[in-house]
C-alpha atoms as a PDB file:
ATOM      1  CA  MET A   1       0.000   0.000   0.000  1.00  0.00           C
ATOM      2  CA  ALA A   2       1.243   3.452  -0.854  1.00  0.00           C
ATOM      3  CA  GLY A   3       1.569   5.888   2.043  1.00  0.00           C
ATOM      4  CA  ASP A   4      -1.073   8.251   0.676  1.00  0.00           C
ATOM      5  CA  GLU A   5      -3.517   5.470  -0.304  1.00  0.00           C
ATOM      6  CA  ARG A   6      -6.697   5.666   1.797  1.00  0.00           C
ATOM      7  CA  ILE A   7      -7.809   2.482   3.518  1.00  0.00           C
ATOM      8  CA  ARG A   8     -10.614   1.608   5.978  1.00  0.00           C
ATOM      9  CA  LEU A   9      -9.041   0.893   9.356  1.00  0.00           C
ATOM     10  CA  PHE A  10     -10.143  -0.261  12.780  1.00  0.00           C
ATOM     11  CA  CYS A  11      -8.584  -1.574  15.987  1.00  0.00           C
ATOM     12  CA  ALA A  12     -10.043  -4.784  17.375  1.00  0.00           C
ATOM     13  CA  LEU A  13      -9.702  -7.588  19.865  1.00  0.00           C
ATOM     14  CA  ARG A  14      -9.026 -10.797  17.992  1.00  0.00           C
ATOM     15  CA  LEU A  15     -10.895 -13.836  19.208  1.00  0.00           C
ATOM     16  CA  PRO A  16      -9.153 -17.052  20.259  1.00  0.00           C
ATOM     17  CA  GLU A  17      -9.841 -20.267  18.318  1.00  0.00           C
ATOM     18  CA  PRO A  18     -12.212 -21.774  20.931  1.00  0.00           C
ATOM     19  CA  ALA A  19     -14.364 -18.612  20.823  1.00  0.00           C
ATOM     20  CA  LEU A  20     -14.399 -18.673  17.012  1.00  0.00           C
ATOM     21  CA  ASP A  21     -15.451 -22.339  17.106  1.00  0.00           C
ATOM     22  CA  ALA A  22     -18.247 -21.625  19.593  1.00  0.00           C
ATOM     23  CA  LEU A  23     -19.514 -18.599  17.656  1.00  0.00           C
ATOM     24  CA  GLY A  24     -19.502 -20.555  14.391  1.00  0.00           C
ATOM     25  CA  THR A  25     -21.525 -23.369  15.959  1.00  0.00           C
ATOM     26  CA  TRP A  26     -23.862 -20.818  17.533  1.00  0.00           C
ATOM     27  CA  GLN A  27     -24.389 -19.066  14.176  1.00  0.00           C
ATOM     28  CA  ARG A  28     -25.380 -22.355  12.506  1.00  0.00           C
ATOM     29  CA  GLU A  29     -27.758 -23.326  15.335  1.00  0.00           C
ATOM     30  CA  HIS A  30     -29.345 -19.985  16.259  1.00  0.00           C
ATOM     31  CA  LEU A  31     -29.540 -17.928  13.091  1.00  0.00           C
ATOM     32  CA  PRO A  32     -32.058 -19.895  11.000  1.00  0.00           C
ATOM     33  CA  GLY A  33     -33.070 -16.775   9.067  1.00  0.00           C
ATOM     34  CA  ALA A  34     -29.487 -16.213   8.006  1.00  0.00           C
ATOM     35  CA  GLY A  35     -30.070 -17.867   4.647  1.00  0.00           C
ATOM     36  CA  ALA A  36     -32.718 -15.346   3.558  1.00  0.00           C
ATOM     37  CA  PRO A  37     -31.898 -13.110   0.561  1.00  0.00           C
ATOM     38  CA  GLY A  38     -29.867 -10.086   1.644  1.00  0.00           C
ATOM     39  CA  THR A  39     -28.857 -11.807   4.901  1.00  0.00           C
ATOM     40  CA  ARG A  40     -25.450 -13.346   5.508  1.00  0.00           C
ATOM     41  CA  PRO A  41     -23.597 -14.619   8.561  1.00  0.00           C
ATOM     42  CA  VAL A  42     -20.250 -12.943   9.225  1.00  0.00           C
ATOM     43  CA  PRO A  43     -17.489 -15.400   8.264  1.00  0.00           C
ATOM     44  CA  ARG A  44     -15.368 -16.893  11.039  1.00  0.00           C
ATOM     45  CA  GLU A  45     -12.241 -15.007   9.897  1.00  0.00           C
ATOM     46  CA  ASN A  46     -14.066 -11.662  10.288  1.00  0.00           C
ATOM     47  CA  LEU A  47     -15.378 -12.175  13.838  1.00  0.00           C
ATOM     48  CA  HIS A  48     -13.844  -9.674  16.279  1.00  0.00           C
ATOM     49  CA  VAL A  49     -14.632  -7.036  18.931  1.00  0.00           C
ATOM     50  CA  THR A  50     -14.056  -3.513  17.612  1.00  0.00           C
ATOM     51  CA  LEU A  51     -12.145  -1.187  19.954  1.00  0.00           C
ATOM     52  CA  ALA A  52     -12.096   1.847  17.633  1.00  0.00           C
ATOM     53  CA  PHE A  53     -13.316   2.304  14.058  1.00  0.00           C
ATOM     54  CA  LEU A  54     -11.104   4.840  12.312  1.00  0.00           C
ATOM     55  CA  GLY A  55     -12.697   4.708   8.870  1.00  0.00           C
ATOM     56  CA  SER A  56     -10.834   5.964   5.820  1.00  0.00           C
ATOM     57  CA  ARG A  57      -7.228   6.860   6.723  1.00  0.00           C
ATOM     58  CA  PRO A  58      -3.965   7.180   4.801  1.00  0.00           C
ATOM     59  CA  ALA A  59      -1.992   3.919   4.808  1.00  0.00           C
ATOM     60  CA  ALA A  60       0.938   5.937   6.193  1.00  0.00           C
ATOM     61  CA  ASP A  61      -0.989   6.205   9.511  1.00  0.00           C
ATOM     62  CA  VAL A  62      -0.767   2.456  10.202  1.00  0.00           C
ATOM     63  CA  PRO A  63       2.548   2.573  12.157  1.00  0.00           C
ATOM     64  CA  ALA A  64       1.290   5.335  14.484  1.00  0.00           C
ATOM     65  CA  ILE A  65      -2.020   3.517  14.984  1.00  0.00           C
ATOM     66  CA  THR A  66      -0.189   0.262  15.733  1.00  0.00           C
ATOM     67  CA  GLU A  67       2.058   2.089  18.210  1.00  0.00           C
ATOM     68  CA  ALA A  68      -0.959   3.545  20.039  1.00  0.00           C
ATOM     69  CA  LEU A  69      -2.665   0.146  20.146  1.00  0.00           C
ATOM     70  CA  SER A  70       0.515  -1.561  21.380  1.00  0.00           C
ATOM     71  CA  ALA A  71       1.011   0.971  24.179  1.00  0.00           C
ATOM     72  CA  ALA A  72      -2.600   0.606  25.328  1.00  0.00           C
ATOM     73  CA  ALA A  73      -2.455  -3.205  25.096  1.00  0.00           C
ATOM     74  CA  ALA A  74       0.727  -3.295  27.203  1.00  0.00           C
ATOM     75  CA  ALA A  75      -1.161  -1.540  30.005  1.00  0.00           C
ATOM     76  CA  ALA A  76      -4.344  -3.637  29.702  1.00  0.00           C
ATOM     77  CA  GLY A  77      -5.598  -5.943  32.400  1.00  0.00           C
ATOM     78  CA  ARG A  78      -7.033  -9.418  31.843  1.00  0.00           C
ATOM     79  CA  ILE A  79     -10.068  -9.196  29.568  1.00  0.00           C
ATOM     80  CA  VAL A  80     -13.024 -11.508  30.120  1.00  0.00           C
ATOM     81  CA  LEU A  81     -16.102 -11.030  27.928  1.00  0.00           C
ATOM     82  CA  ALA A  82     -19.296 -12.939  28.708  1.00  0.00           C
ATOM     83  CA  PRO A  83     -22.025 -13.343  26.091  1.00  0.00           C
ATOM     84  CA  LYS A  84     -25.038 -11.392  27.307  1.00  0.00           C
ATOM     85  CA  ARG A  85     -27.691 -11.305  24.545  1.00  0.00           C
ATOM     86  CA  TYR A  86     -28.382 -11.214  20.830  1.00  0.00           C
ATOM     87  CA  ARG A  87     -29.352  -7.809  19.424  1.00  0.00           C
ATOM     88  CA  GLU A  88     -30.252  -6.474  15.985  1.00  0.00           C
ATOM     89  CA  THR A  89     -29.672  -2.939  14.764  1.00  0.00           C
ATOM     90  CA  ARG A  90     -30.490  -1.434  11.371  1.00  0.00           C
ATOM     91  CA  GLY A  91     -28.047  -3.611   9.403  1.00  0.00           C
ATOM     92  CA  VAL A  92     -26.407  -6.136  11.738  1.00  0.00           C
ATOM     93  CA  GLY A  93     -27.082  -8.841  14.285  1.00  0.00           C
ATOM     94  CA  MET A  94     -24.641  -9.003  17.183  1.00  0.00           C
ATOM     95  CA  VAL A  95     -23.778 -10.904  20.308  1.00  0.00           C
ATOM     96  CA  VAL A  96     -23.547  -8.225  22.997  1.00  0.00           C
ATOM     97  CA  LEU A  97     -20.858  -8.973  25.565  1.00  0.00           C
ATOM     98  CA  ASP A  98     -20.573  -8.192  29.261  1.00  0.00           C
ATOM     99  CA  ASP A  99     -17.137  -6.812  30.140  1.00  0.00           C
ATOM    100  CA  VAL A 100     -16.738  -8.953  33.277  1.00  0.00           C
ATOM    101  CA  THR A 101     -13.461  -7.440  34.516  1.00  0.00           C
ATOM    102  CA  GLY A 102     -13.964  -3.955  33.048  1.00  0.00           C
ATOM    103  CA  ALA A 103     -10.566  -4.278  31.348  1.00  0.00           C
ATOM    104  CA  ALA A 104     -11.969  -4.231  27.795  1.00  0.00           C
ATOM    105  CA  ALA A 105     -13.656  -0.856  28.347  1.00  0.00           C
ATOM    106  CA  VAL A 106     -10.461   0.506  29.880  1.00  0.00           C
ATOM    107  CA  LEU A 107      -8.470  -0.747  26.870  1.00  0.00           C
ATOM    108  CA  ALA A 108     -10.985   0.681  24.370  1.00  0.00           C
ATOM    109  CA  GLY A 109     -10.937   4.043  26.184  1.00  0.00           C
ATOM    110  CA  ASP A 110      -7.133   4.074  26.311  1.00  0.00           C
ATOM    111  CA  VAL A 111      -6.757   3.195  22.608  1.00  0.00           C
ATOM    112  CA  GLN A 112      -9.320   5.825  21.635  1.00  0.00           C
ATOM    113  CA  ALA A 113      -7.672   8.504  23.798  1.00  0.00           C
ATOM    114  CA  ARG A 114      -4.203   7.753  22.401  1.00  0.00           C
ATOM    115  CA  LEU A 115      -5.477   7.848  18.820  1.00  0.00           C
ATOM    116  CA  GLU A 116      -7.393  11.048  19.506  1.00  0.00           C
ATOM    117  CA  ARG A 117      -4.329  12.765  21.009  1.00  0.00           C
ATOM    118  CA  ALA A 118      -2.358  11.750  17.913  1.00  0.00           C
ATOM    119  CA  GLY A 119      -5.005  13.340  15.670  1.00  0.00           C
ATOM    120  CA  LEU A 120      -5.924   9.969  14.144  1.00  0.00           C
ATOM    121  CA  TYR A 121      -9.405   9.468  15.571  1.00  0.00           C
ATOM    122  CA  ARG A 122     -12.462  11.251  16.879  1.00  0.00           C
ATOM    123  CA  ARG A 123     -14.516   9.449  19.520  1.00  0.00           C
ATOM    124  CA  GLU A 124     -18.115   8.572  18.851  1.00  0.00           C
ATOM    125  CA  GLN A 125     -20.782  10.235  20.981  1.00  0.00           C
ATOM    126  CA  ARG A 126     -22.308   6.936  22.044  1.00  0.00           C
ATOM    127  CA  PRO A 127     -20.577   4.793  24.676  1.00  0.00           C
ATOM    128  CA  TRP A 128     -18.441   1.861  23.553  1.00  0.00           C
ATOM    129  CA  LEU A 129     -20.407  -1.409  23.443  1.00  0.00           C
ATOM    130  CA  PRO A 130     -18.455  -4.671  23.444  1.00  0.00           C
ATOM    131  CA  HIS A 131     -20.015  -6.972  20.846  1.00  0.00           C
ATOM    132  CA  VAL A 132     -19.282  -9.387  18.022  1.00  0.00           C
ATOM    133  CA  THR A 133     -21.164  -8.765  14.777  1.00  0.00           C
ATOM    134  CA  VAL A 134     -22.405 -12.202  13.670  1.00  0.00           C
ATOM    135  CA  LEU A 135     -24.931 -11.354  10.942  1.00  0.00           C
ATOM    136  CA  ARG A 136     -25.376  -8.684   8.250  1.00  0.00           C
ATOM    137  CA  PHE A 137     -28.685  -8.007   6.516  1.00  0.00           C
ATOM    138  CA  ARG A 138     -30.635  -5.573   4.362  1.00  0.00           C
ATOM    139  CA  GLU A 139     -33.948  -6.217   6.086  1.00  0.00           C
ATOM    140  CA  ARG A 140     -34.026  -6.970   9.808  1.00  0.00           C
ATOM    141  CA  PRO A 141     -34.920 -10.662  10.310  1.00  0.00           C
ATOM    142  CA  ARG A 142     -36.102 -10.034  13.906  1.00  0.00           C
ATOM    143  CA  LEU A 143     -34.562 -13.239  15.226  1.00  0.00           C
ATOM    144  CA  ARG A 144     -35.106 -14.206  18.852  1.00  0.00           C
ATOM    145  CA  ALA A 145     -31.783 -15.953  19.397  1.00  0.00           C
ATOM    146  CA  THR A 146     -30.364 -16.692  22.820  1.00  0.00           C
ATOM    147  CA  VAL A 147     -26.609 -16.771  23.500  1.00  0.00           C
ATOM    148  CA  GLU A 148     -26.589 -20.074  25.339  1.00  0.00           C
ATOM    149  CA  GLY A 149     -23.634 -22.287  24.564  1.00  0.00           C
ATOM    150  CA  ILE A 150     -21.114 -19.504  24.008  1.00  0.00           C
ATOM    151  CA  ALA A 151     -18.436 -19.561  26.713  1.00  0.00           C
ATOM    152  CA  ASN A 152     -16.637 -16.508  28.074  1.00  0.00           C
ATOM    153  CA  ILE A 153     -14.104 -14.987  25.683  1.00  0.00           C
ATOM    154  CA  CYS A 154     -10.582 -14.095  26.839  1.00  0.00           C
ATOM    155  CA  PRO A 155      -8.722 -12.421  23.945  1.00  0.00           C
ATOM    156  CA  SER A 156      -4.938 -12.599  24.015  1.00  0.00           C
ATOM    157  CA  ASP A 157      -4.202  -9.956  21.398  1.00  0.00           C
ATOM    158  CA  ALA A 158      -5.497  -6.895  19.595  1.00  0.00           C
ATOM    159  CA  ALA A 159      -4.900  -5.807  16.015  1.00  0.00           C
ATOM    160  CA  VAL A 160      -4.986  -2.923  13.584  1.00  0.00           C
ATOM    161  CA  MET A 161      -7.101  -4.216  10.724  1.00  0.00           C
ATOM    162  CA  VAL A 162      -8.020  -3.079   7.244  1.00  0.00           C
ATOM    163  CA  SER A 163     -11.404  -3.715   5.659  1.00  0.00           C
ATOM    164  CA  VAL A 164     -10.925  -4.779   2.044  1.00  0.00           C
ATOM    165  CA  PRO A 165     -14.088  -4.708  -0.112  1.00  0.00           C
ATOM    166  CA  SER A 166     -14.875  -7.857  -2.086  1.00  0.00           C
ATOM    167  CA  PRO A 167     -17.949  -9.130  -3.995  1.00  0.00           C
ATOM    168  CA  GLY A 168     -18.988 -11.468  -1.154  1.00  0.00           C
ATOM    169  CA  GLY A 169     -18.513  -8.845   1.563  1.00  0.00           C
ATOM    170  CA  ALA A 170     -15.520  -7.200   3.150  1.00  0.00           C
ATOM    171  CA  ARG A 171     -12.439  -9.185   4.145  1.00  0.00           C
ATOM    172  CA  TYR A 172     -10.434  -8.092   7.169  1.00  0.00           C
ATOM    173  CA  GLU A 173      -6.650  -8.255   7.171  1.00  0.00           C
ATOM    174  CA  VAL A 174      -4.289  -7.688  10.090  1.00  0.00           C
ATOM    175  CA  LEU A 175      -1.762  -4.878   9.488  1.00  0.00           C
ATOM    176  CA  GLY A 176      -0.300  -4.792  12.995  1.00  0.00           C
ATOM    177  CA  ASP A 177      -0.917  -6.572  16.271  1.00  0.00           C
ATOM    178  CA  ALA A 178      -0.230  -6.297  19.977  1.00  0.00           C
ATOM    179  CA  ALA A 179      -0.246  -8.897  22.721  1.00  0.00           C
ATOM    180  CA  LEU A 180      -2.455  -8.251  25.739  1.00  0.00           C
END
């Protein structure tokens, strides 16, 4: 990527393999309306918890973003996220998570503050909500899914990711990562 090329970036908690397995099984068992036209489950490789969505940024910003994420991750406590409920918004279905230790919210706030001080990000007005987007749709399916069977999630790393458009939906690629 050229330094002045604009790319869609976000910082996220990556999910460990057991969590990805559980979410994949849950999607197959609890999202029966996911096969409807205009509705598609989020692929396993795209499941994550967003810490900060930066949107369109110059590719040259990636090192500074990675540095901010790494510094915040180094100071983070142990993150434990418990599945709380399924929720639908205008275009997505999500598993809302309870931040059991409070460490995820502290990390998200720290990352956002560091990025904001560096002039790379502007915080959203709404409070940060830990969740995993599991379904995308054009028309809300109004599913009544429960989150039973999904164990607590303990991420071990965070990443700076780029959203790459493709015909079947965006693909997410890791550009930089940081251990928690």
